Amino acid sequence: MASSIAEFGFTNPILVGADNDIIAGRGRLLAAKKLELKDSFLDLDMLLCPMRRLANF
């Protein structure tokens, strides 16, 4: 995943909930850390109800 992000950049965001927990994109976050990226593509999805958040796993 890290090599793909290095070559193509982020094509899907890291989805973060209102309480700052990662809903989707843990692998992308780890890959960005491995590449020592300072910026990542985040989607702050604060409006998801708990049931919709569960559906994203």
Protein backbone atom coordinates (compact mmCIF):
# COMPACT_ATOMS: atom_id res chain seq x y z
CA MET A 1 0.00 0.00 0.00
CA ALA A 2 2.86 2.39 0.79
CA SER A 3 4.36 1.99 -2.69
CA SER A 4 0.97 2.64 -4.27
CA ILE A 5 0.50 5.83 -2.22
CA ALA A 6 4.04 6.92 -3.08
CA GLU A 7 3.36 6.45 -6.80
CA PHE A 8 -0.27 7.57 -7.13
CA GLY A 9 -0.99 9.55 -3.96
CA PHE A 10 -4.14 9.12 -1.93
CA THR A 11 -7.10 7.98 -4.02
CA ASN A 12 -9.35 7.26 -1.01
CA PRO A 13 -9.46 9.36 2.14
CA ILE A 14 -8.90 8.27 5.70
CA LEU A 15 -12.35 8.50 7.25
CA VAL A 16 -12.31 10.04 10.75
CA GLY A 17 -15.33 10.29 13.07
CA ALA A 18 -16.36 13.12 15.37
CA ASP A 19 -14.51 11.57 18.30
CA ASN A 20 -11.28 11.44 16.21
CA ASP A 21 -11.35 7.68 15.80
CA ILE A 22 -10.50 6.16 12.44
CA ILE A 23 -13.58 4.69 10.80
CA ALA A 24 -11.84 3.54 7.60
CA GLY A 25 -8.28 3.80 6.35
CA ARG A 26 -6.08 2.35 9.08
CA GLY A 27 -3.83 0.78 6.47
CA ARG A 28 -3.56 4.04 4.56
CA LEU A 29 -2.61 5.82 7.78
CA LEU A 30 0.10 3.26 8.56
CA ALA A 31 1.41 3.52 4.99
CA ALA A 32 1.52 7.33 5.24
CA LYS A 33 3.46 7.05 8.50
CA LYS A 34 5.87 4.58 6.89
CA LEU A 35 6.44 7.06 4.06
CA GLU A 36 6.83 9.84 6.66
CA LEU A 37 4.17 11.93 4.91
CA LYS A 38 3.27 15.11 6.72
CA ASP A 39 -0.12 15.53 4.97
CA SER A 40 -2.82 12.93 4.40
CA PHE A 41 -6.19 13.03 2.72
CA LEU A 42 -8.75 12.97 5.54
CA ASP A 43 -12.53 12.99 5.43
CA LEU A 44 -13.92 14.24 8.73
CA ASP A 45 -17.31 12.60 8.74
CA MET A 46 -18.90 13.96 11.88
CA LEU A 47 -22.48 13.39 10.82
CA LEU A 48 -22.53 9.61 10.63
CA CYS A 49 -24.88 8.00 13.11
CA PRO A 50 -23.45 5.00 15.02
CA MET A 51 -25.23 2.43 12.85
CA ARG A 52 -23.91 3.97 9.62
CA ARG A 53 -20.42 4.05 11.12
CA LEU A 54 -20.62 0.33 11.85
CA ALA A 55 -21.54 -0.26 8.22
CA ASN A 56 -18.22 1.29 7.15
CA PHE A 57 -16.16 -1.44 8.80
